[in-house]
Amino acid sequence: MDRTGLPIAHPGMVIGLLGGSFDPAHEGHAHITREALKRFRLDRVWWLVTPGNPLKEKGPAPLGRRLATARNVMSHPRVDITDIEDHLGTRYTAETLRALHALYPGVRFVWLMGADNFATFHHWDNWEWIIENVPLGILARPGQRISARMSRAASHYAHHRIPGRQAARLSVGDPPRWCFVNIPLDKTSSTEIRARGDWAG
């Protein structure tokens, strides 16, 4: 991190962005991060721990607590746990990506998401702008392989899909580009952790 609290990146680097409330962060998040680093040939991954999720009515646990838990869960020399959106004052992914493009010229960003999020991606604010400006790396999640592949975004941008066996090429070339990769599945979920009472907001 530099003195502004933002991570350091240089032109030509390929940075994967994994956004979410991480309420709480768990091994499933860490698992897809390690797989993304390998499959998409990323230089680094930044976790964007959001101040709040616009799609959820109930607010998450305090940001500081979620950041601390995330850092305990994901300790990796090429992964940065950040509160970028809190620094930038952005709440929607498209806003964040526009700001990052302006702050980091020459850096190639890849937006990472689980298949469960891709299945409902068309509900995101400015979702078409996102896929047309940033490559999407989609990682399999339990029970969501078919729904992700049949989603509105997958159908609308079918001709821009990169085969999973060519995942390393995702960041090479201009978007729209997206790639779905099958990975060993980890069934841990934040929802289940909260339901068990293991994590109180």
C-alpha atoms as a PDB file:
ATOM      1  CA  MET A   1       0.000   0.000   0.000  1.00  0.00           C
ATOM      2  CA  ASP A   2       1.171   3.554  -0.647  1.00  0.00           C
ATOM      3  CA  ARG A   3       0.568   6.560   1.607  1.00  0.00           C
ATOM      4  CA  THR A   4      -2.947   7.030   0.174  1.00  0.00           C
ATOM      5  CA  GLY A   5      -3.963   3.596   1.416  1.00  0.00           C
ATOM      6  CA  LEU A   6      -4.261   2.289  -2.155  1.00  0.00           C
ATOM      7  CA  PRO A   7      -2.268  -0.700  -3.434  1.00  0.00           C
ATOM      8  CA  ILE A   8       0.685  -0.193  -5.759  1.00  0.00           C
ATOM      9  CA  ALA A   9       0.553  -1.428  -9.367  1.00  0.00           C
ATOM     10  CA  HIS A  10       2.631  -0.667 -12.441  1.00  0.00           C
ATOM     11  CA  PRO A  11       1.698  -0.426 -16.138  1.00  0.00           C
ATOM     12  CA  GLY A  12       1.618  -3.839 -17.784  1.00  0.00           C
ATOM     13  CA  MET A  13       0.594  -5.692 -14.636  1.00  0.00           C
ATOM     14  CA  VAL A  14      -2.500  -7.904 -14.695  1.00  0.00           C
ATOM     15  CA  ILE A  15      -4.522  -7.458 -11.499  1.00  0.00           C
ATOM     16  CA  GLY A  16      -7.499  -9.605 -10.582  1.00  0.00           C
ATOM     17  CA  LEU A  17     -10.235  -7.861  -8.598  1.00  0.00           C
ATOM     18  CA  LEU A  18     -12.439  -9.868  -6.245  1.00  0.00           C
ATOM     19  CA  GLY A  19     -15.151  -7.671  -4.782  1.00  0.00           C
ATOM     20  CA  GLY A  20     -17.697  -8.414  -2.116  1.00  0.00           C
ATOM     21  CA  SER A  21     -18.883  -7.778   1.389  1.00  0.00           C
ATOM     22  CA  PHE A  22     -16.782 -10.705   2.746  1.00  0.00           C
ATOM     23  CA  ASP A  23     -19.281 -10.979   5.595  1.00  0.00           C
ATOM     24  CA  PRO A  24     -17.340 -12.983   6.663  1.00  0.00           C
ATOM     25  CA  ALA A  25     -14.366 -13.943   4.495  1.00  0.00           C
ATOM     26  CA  HIS A  26     -13.776 -17.711   4.446  1.00  0.00           C
ATOM     27  CA  GLU A  27     -11.708 -20.459   2.859  1.00  0.00           C
ATOM     28  CA  GLY A  28     -13.982 -20.522  -0.211  1.00  0.00           C
ATOM     29  CA  HIS A  29     -12.871 -16.960  -1.052  1.00  0.00           C
ATOM     30  CA  ALA A  30      -9.236 -17.903  -0.515  1.00  0.00           C
ATOM     31  CA  HIS A  31      -9.655 -21.018  -2.671  1.00  0.00           C
ATOM     32  CA  ILE A  32     -11.062 -19.204  -5.716  1.00  0.00           C
ATOM     33  CA  THR A  33      -8.371 -16.517  -5.320  1.00  0.00           C
ATOM     34  CA  ARG A  34      -5.558 -19.065  -5.500  1.00  0.00           C
ATOM     35  CA  GLU A  35      -7.221 -20.732  -8.481  1.00  0.00           C
ATOM     36  CA  ALA A  36      -7.686 -17.372 -10.240  1.00  0.00           C
ATOM     37  CA  LEU A  37      -4.004 -16.460  -9.794  1.00  0.00           C
ATOM     38  CA  LYS A  38      -3.052 -19.724 -11.464  1.00  0.00           C
ATOM     39  CA  ARG A  39      -5.742 -20.123 -14.142  1.00  0.00           C
ATOM     40  CA  PHE A  40      -5.814 -16.528 -15.418  1.00  0.00           C
ATOM     41  CA  ARG A  41      -2.063 -15.883 -15.026  1.00  0.00           C
ATOM     42  CA  LEU A  42      -2.583 -12.877 -12.768  1.00  0.00           C
ATOM     43  CA  ASP A  43       0.285 -10.897 -11.263  1.00  0.00           C
ATOM     44  CA  ARG A  44      -1.767 -10.056  -8.188  1.00  0.00           C
ATOM     45  CA  VAL A  45      -5.296 -10.200  -6.800  1.00  0.00           C
ATOM     46  CA  TRP A  46      -6.889  -7.379  -4.843  1.00  0.00           C
ATOM     47  CA  TRP A  47      -9.809  -8.154  -2.576  1.00  0.00           C
ATOM     48  CA  LEU A  48     -12.179  -5.182  -2.613  1.00  0.00           C
ATOM     49  CA  VAL A  49     -13.938  -5.407   0.748  1.00  0.00           C
ATOM     50  CA  THR A  50     -16.966  -3.199   0.198  1.00  0.00           C
ATOM     51  CA  PRO A  51     -18.384  -0.686   2.702  1.00  0.00           C
ATOM     52  CA  GLY A  52     -21.843  -2.087   1.842  1.00  0.00           C
ATOM     53  CA  ASN A  53     -23.549  -4.147  -0.838  1.00  0.00           C
ATOM     54  CA  PRO A  54     -26.211  -2.128  -2.770  1.00  0.00           C
ATOM     55  CA  LEU A  55     -28.053  -5.379  -3.588  1.00  0.00           C
ATOM     56  CA  LYS A  56     -28.515  -6.343   0.070  1.00  0.00           C
ATOM     57  CA  GLU A  57     -31.060  -4.709   2.363  1.00  0.00           C
ATOM     58  CA  LYS A  58     -29.281  -5.498   5.633  1.00  0.00           C
ATOM     59  CA  GLY A  59     -25.856  -3.960   6.117  1.00  0.00           C
ATOM     60  CA  PRO A  60     -22.786  -6.137   6.739  1.00  0.00           C
ATOM     61  CA  ALA A  61     -20.603  -6.259   9.842  1.00  0.00           C
ATOM     62  CA  PRO A  62     -18.324  -3.233  10.441  1.00  0.00           C
ATOM     63  CA  LEU A  63     -15.724  -2.772   7.706  1.00  0.00           C
ATOM     64  CA  GLY A  64     -12.748  -2.934  10.064  1.00  0.00           C
ATOM     65  CA  ARG A  65     -13.838  -6.296  11.412  1.00  0.00           C
ATOM     66  CA  ARG A  66     -14.391  -7.725   7.942  1.00  0.00           C
ATOM     67  CA  LEU A  67     -10.957  -6.493   6.790  1.00  0.00           C
ATOM     68  CA  ALA A  68      -9.238  -8.062   9.788  1.00  0.00           C
ATOM     69  CA  THR A  69     -10.978 -11.391   9.238  1.00  0.00           C
ATOM     70  CA  ALA A  70     -10.147 -11.307   5.522  1.00  0.00           C
ATOM     71  CA  ARG A  71      -6.453 -10.777   6.299  1.00  0.00           C
ATOM     72  CA  ASN A  72      -6.492 -13.768   8.646  1.00  0.00           C
ATOM     73  CA  VAL A  73      -8.182 -15.952   6.036  1.00  0.00           C
ATOM     74  CA  MET A  74      -6.117 -14.908   2.998  1.00  0.00           C
ATOM     75  CA  SER A  75      -2.403 -14.590   3.648  1.00  0.00           C
ATOM     76  CA  HIS A  76      -0.589 -14.716   0.307  1.00  0.00           C
ATOM     77  CA  PRO A  77       2.353 -12.674  -1.033  1.00  0.00           C
ATOM     78  CA  ARG A  78       0.438 -11.790  -4.227  1.00  0.00           C
ATOM     79  CA  VAL A  79      -2.900 -10.907  -2.637  1.00  0.00           C
ATOM     80  CA  ASP A  80      -3.817  -7.504  -1.178  1.00  0.00           C
ATOM     81  CA  ILE A  81      -6.814  -7.094   1.145  1.00  0.00           C
ATOM     82  CA  THR A  82      -8.125  -3.582   0.516  1.00  0.00           C
ATOM     83  CA  ASP A  83     -10.880  -1.111   1.347  1.00  0.00           C
ATOM     84  CA  ILE A  84     -10.449   0.667  -1.985  1.00  0.00           C
ATOM     85  CA  GLU A  85     -14.135   1.502  -2.371  1.00  0.00           C
ATOM     86  CA  ASP A  86     -14.181   3.166   1.032  1.00  0.00           C
ATOM     87  CA  HIS A  87     -11.216   5.313  -0.034  1.00  0.00           C
ATOM     88  CA  LEU A  88     -12.765   6.149  -3.409  1.00  0.00           C
ATOM     89  CA  GLY A  89     -16.281   6.705  -2.094  1.00  0.00           C
ATOM     90  CA  THR A  90     -17.734   4.313  -4.710  1.00  0.00           C
ATOM     91  CA  ARG A  91     -20.502   1.787  -4.084  1.00  0.00           C
ATOM     92  CA  TYR A  92     -21.105   0.185  -7.470  1.00  0.00           C
ATOM     93  CA  THR A  93     -18.639  -1.970  -9.397  1.00  0.00           C
ATOM     94  CA  ALA A  94     -18.819   0.131 -12.568  1.00  0.00           C
ATOM     95  CA  GLU A  95     -17.973   3.284 -10.575  1.00  0.00           C
ATOM     96  CA  THR A  96     -15.041   1.533  -8.924  1.00  0.00           C
ATOM     97  CA  LEU A  97     -13.684   0.231 -12.224  1.00  0.00           C
ATOM     98  CA  ARG A  98     -13.873   3.659 -13.851  1.00  0.00           C
ATOM     99  CA  ALA A  99     -11.938   5.135 -10.930  1.00  0.00           C
ATOM    100  CA  LEU A 100      -9.307   2.390 -11.037  1.00  0.00           C
ATOM    101  CA  HIS A 101      -8.778   2.822 -14.780  1.00  0.00           C
ATOM    102  CA  ALA A 102      -8.122   6.531 -14.161  1.00  0.00           C
ATOM    103  CA  LEU A 103      -5.808   5.909 -11.176  1.00  0.00           C
ATOM    104  CA  TYR A 104      -3.806   3.068 -12.752  1.00  0.00           C
ATOM    105  CA  PRO A 105      -3.260   3.782 -16.478  1.00  0.00           C
ATOM    106  CA  GLY A 106      -1.682   0.865 -18.272  1.00  0.00           C
ATOM    107  CA  VAL A 107      -2.707  -1.697 -15.650  1.00  0.00           C
ATOM    108  CA  ARG A 108      -4.902  -4.512 -16.970  1.00  0.00           C
ATOM    109  CA  PHE A 109      -7.701  -5.419 -14.578  1.00  0.00           C
ATOM    110  CA  VAL A 110      -9.689  -8.663 -14.587  1.00  0.00           C
ATOM    111  CA  TRP A 111     -12.940  -8.782 -12.620  1.00  0.00           C
ATOM    112  CA  LEU A 112     -13.271 -12.074 -10.749  1.00  0.00           C
ATOM    113  CA  MET A 113     -16.539 -13.580  -9.589  1.00  0.00           C
ATOM    114  CA  GLY A 114     -18.047 -16.855  -8.573  1.00  0.00           C
ATOM    115  CA  ALA A 115     -20.538 -18.499 -10.906  1.00  0.00           C
ATOM    116  CA  ASP A 116     -23.310 -17.678  -8.430  1.00  0.00           C
ATOM    117  CA  ASN A 117     -22.747 -13.954  -8.987  1.00  0.00           C
ATOM    118  CA  PHE A 118     -22.459 -14.331 -12.760  1.00  0.00           C
ATOM    119  CA  ALA A 119     -25.875 -15.997 -12.821  1.00  0.00           C
ATOM    120  CA  THR A 120     -27.440 -12.720 -11.613  1.00  0.00           C
ATOM    121  CA  PHE A 121     -24.882 -10.378 -13.154  1.00  0.00           C
ATOM    122  CA  HIS A 122     -27.521  -8.707 -15.364  1.00  0.00           C
ATOM    123  CA  HIS A 123     -29.030  -7.163 -12.210  1.00  0.00           C
ATOM    124  CA  TRP A 124     -25.826  -5.226 -11.486  1.00  0.00           C
ATOM    125  CA  ASP A 125     -25.708  -1.488 -12.129  1.00  0.00           C
ATOM    126  CA  ASN A 126     -24.236  -0.861 -15.636  1.00  0.00           C
ATOM    127  CA  TRP A 127     -23.442  -4.536 -16.074  1.00  0.00           C
ATOM    128  CA  GLU A 128     -23.036  -4.237 -19.833  1.00  0.00           C
ATOM    129  CA  TRP A 129     -20.482  -1.446 -19.406  1.00  0.00           C
ATOM    130  CA  ILE A 130     -18.535  -3.668 -17.008  1.00  0.00           C
ATOM    131  CA  ILE A 131     -18.271  -6.652 -19.348  1.00  0.00           C
ATOM    132  CA  GLU A 132     -17.446  -4.401 -22.301  1.00  0.00           C
ATOM    133  CA  ASN A 133     -14.597  -2.694 -20.467  1.00  0.00           C
ATOM    134  CA  VAL A 134     -13.068  -5.344 -18.188  1.00  0.00           C
ATOM    135  CA  PRO A 135     -12.473  -9.062 -18.842  1.00  0.00           C
ATOM    136  CA  LEU A 136     -14.471 -11.311 -16.514  1.00  0.00           C
ATOM    137  CA  GLY A 137     -12.984 -14.396 -14.900  1.00  0.00           C
ATOM    138  CA  ILE A 138     -15.806 -16.633 -13.626  1.00  0.00           C
ATOM    139  CA  LEU A 139     -15.028 -19.502 -11.273  1.00  0.00           C
ATOM    140  CA  ALA A 140     -17.330 -22.458 -10.624  1.00  0.00           C
ATOM    141  CA  ARG A 141     -19.314 -22.451  -7.379  1.00  0.00           C
ATOM    142  CA  PRO A 142     -21.379 -25.319  -5.933  1.00  0.00           C
ATOM    143  CA  GLY A 143     -24.731 -25.695  -7.672  1.00  0.00           C
ATOM    144  CA  GLN A 144     -24.224 -22.748 -10.031  1.00  0.00           C
ATOM    145  CA  ARG A 145     -22.468 -24.133 -13.102  1.00  0.00           C
ATOM    146  CA  ILE A 146     -25.587 -24.482 -15.239  1.00  0.00           C
ATOM    147  CA  SER A 147     -27.293 -21.269 -14.083  1.00  0.00           C
ATOM    148  CA  ALA A 148     -24.143 -19.264 -14.831  1.00  0.00           C
ATOM    149  CA  ARG A 149     -23.775 -20.728 -18.321  1.00  0.00           C
ATOM    150  CA  MET A 150     -27.464 -20.110 -19.051  1.00  0.00           C
ATOM    151  CA  SER A 151     -27.498 -16.589 -17.624  1.00  0.00           C
ATOM    152  CA  ARG A 152     -28.530 -13.503 -19.572  1.00  0.00           C
ATOM    153  CA  ALA A 153     -24.946 -12.218 -19.612  1.00  0.00           C
ATOM    154  CA  ALA A 154     -23.607 -15.555 -20.882  1.00  0.00           C
ATOM    155  CA  SER A 155     -26.220 -15.642 -23.642  1.00  0.00           C
ATOM    156  CA  HIS A 156     -25.804 -12.006 -24.693  1.00  0.00           C
ATOM    157  CA  TYR A 157     -21.995 -12.257 -24.842  1.00  0.00           C
ATOM    158  CA  ALA A 158     -21.709 -15.886 -25.949  1.00  0.00           C
ATOM    159  CA  HIS A 159     -19.415 -15.037 -28.876  1.00  0.00           C
ATOM    160  CA  HIS A 160     -16.935 -13.355 -26.546  1.00  0.00           C
ATOM    161  CA  ARG A 161     -16.357 -16.370 -24.322  1.00  0.00           C
ATOM    162  CA  ILE A 162     -12.808 -17.685 -23.964  1.00  0.00           C
ATOM    163  CA  PRO A 163     -12.710 -21.500 -23.528  1.00  0.00           C
ATOM    164  CA  GLY A 164     -11.662 -22.612 -20.054  1.00  0.00           C
ATOM    165  CA  ARG A 165      -8.602 -24.393 -21.440  1.00  0.00           C
ATOM    166  CA  GLN A 166      -7.401 -20.989 -22.732  1.00  0.00           C
ATOM    167  CA  ALA A 167      -8.042 -19.153 -19.452  1.00  0.00           C
ATOM    168  CA  ALA A 168      -4.474 -17.815 -19.377  1.00  0.00           C
ATOM    169  CA  ARG A 169      -5.359 -15.690 -22.447  1.00  0.00           C
ATOM    170  CA  LEU A 170      -8.263 -13.889 -20.774  1.00  0.00           C
ATOM    171  CA  SER A 171      -6.377 -10.632 -20.212  1.00  0.00           C
ATOM    172  CA  VAL A 172      -4.792 -10.685 -23.683  1.00  0.00           C
ATOM    173  CA  GLY A 173      -6.899  -8.602 -26.059  1.00  0.00           C
ATOM    174  CA  ASP A 174      -9.683  -6.109 -25.665  1.00  0.00           C
ATOM    175  CA  PRO A 175     -12.965  -6.770 -23.839  1.00  0.00           C
ATOM    176  CA  PRO A 176     -15.634  -7.931 -24.001  1.00  0.00           C
ATOM    177  CA  ARG A 177     -13.975 -11.191 -22.973  1.00  0.00           C
ATOM    178  CA  TRP A 178     -15.093 -13.658 -20.341  1.00  0.00           C
ATOM    179  CA  CYS A 179     -14.025 -17.104 -19.273  1.00  0.00           C
ATOM    180  CA  PHE A 180     -15.720 -19.737 -17.114  1.00  0.00           C
ATOM    181  CA  VAL A 181     -13.387 -22.216 -15.439  1.00  0.00           C
ATOM    182  CA  ASN A 182     -14.256 -25.380 -13.560  1.00  0.00           C
ATOM    183  CA  ILE A 183     -12.271 -25.717 -10.360  1.00  0.00           C
ATOM    184  CA  PRO A 184     -12.362 -28.077  -7.368  1.00  0.00           C
ATOM    185  CA  LEU A 185     -15.328 -26.863  -5.346  1.00  0.00           C
ATOM    186  CA  ASP A 186     -15.325 -25.519  -1.808  1.00  0.00           C
ATOM    187  CA  LYS A 187     -18.851 -25.445  -0.369  1.00  0.00           C
ATOM    188  CA  THR A 188     -18.159 -22.879   2.364  1.00  0.00           C
ATOM    189  CA  SER A 189     -20.496 -19.881   2.179  1.00  0.00           C
ATOM    190  CA  SER A 190     -20.824 -16.656   4.157  1.00  0.00           C
ATOM    191  CA  THR A 191     -24.604 -17.159   4.338  1.00  0.00           C
ATOM    192  CA  GLU A 192     -24.216 -20.531   6.045  1.00  0.00           C
ATOM    193  CA  ILE A 193     -21.605 -19.183   8.467  1.00  0.00           C
ATOM    194  CA  ARG A 194     -23.961 -16.367   9.495  1.00  0.00           C
ATOM    195  CA  ALA A 195     -26.908 -18.787   9.767  1.00  0.00           C
ATOM    196  CA  ARG A 196     -24.957 -20.995  12.164  1.00  0.00           C
ATOM    197  CA  GLY A 197     -24.374 -17.983  14.400  1.00  0.00           C
ATOM    198  CA  ASP A 198     -20.596 -18.247  13.980  1.00  0.00           C
ATOM    199  CA  TRP A 199     -20.439 -14.648  12.765  1.00  0.00           C
ATOM    200  CA  ALA A 200     -22.527 -11.866  14.285  1.00  0.00           C
ATOM    201  CA  GLY A 201     -22.741  -8.532  12.442  1.00  0.00           C
END
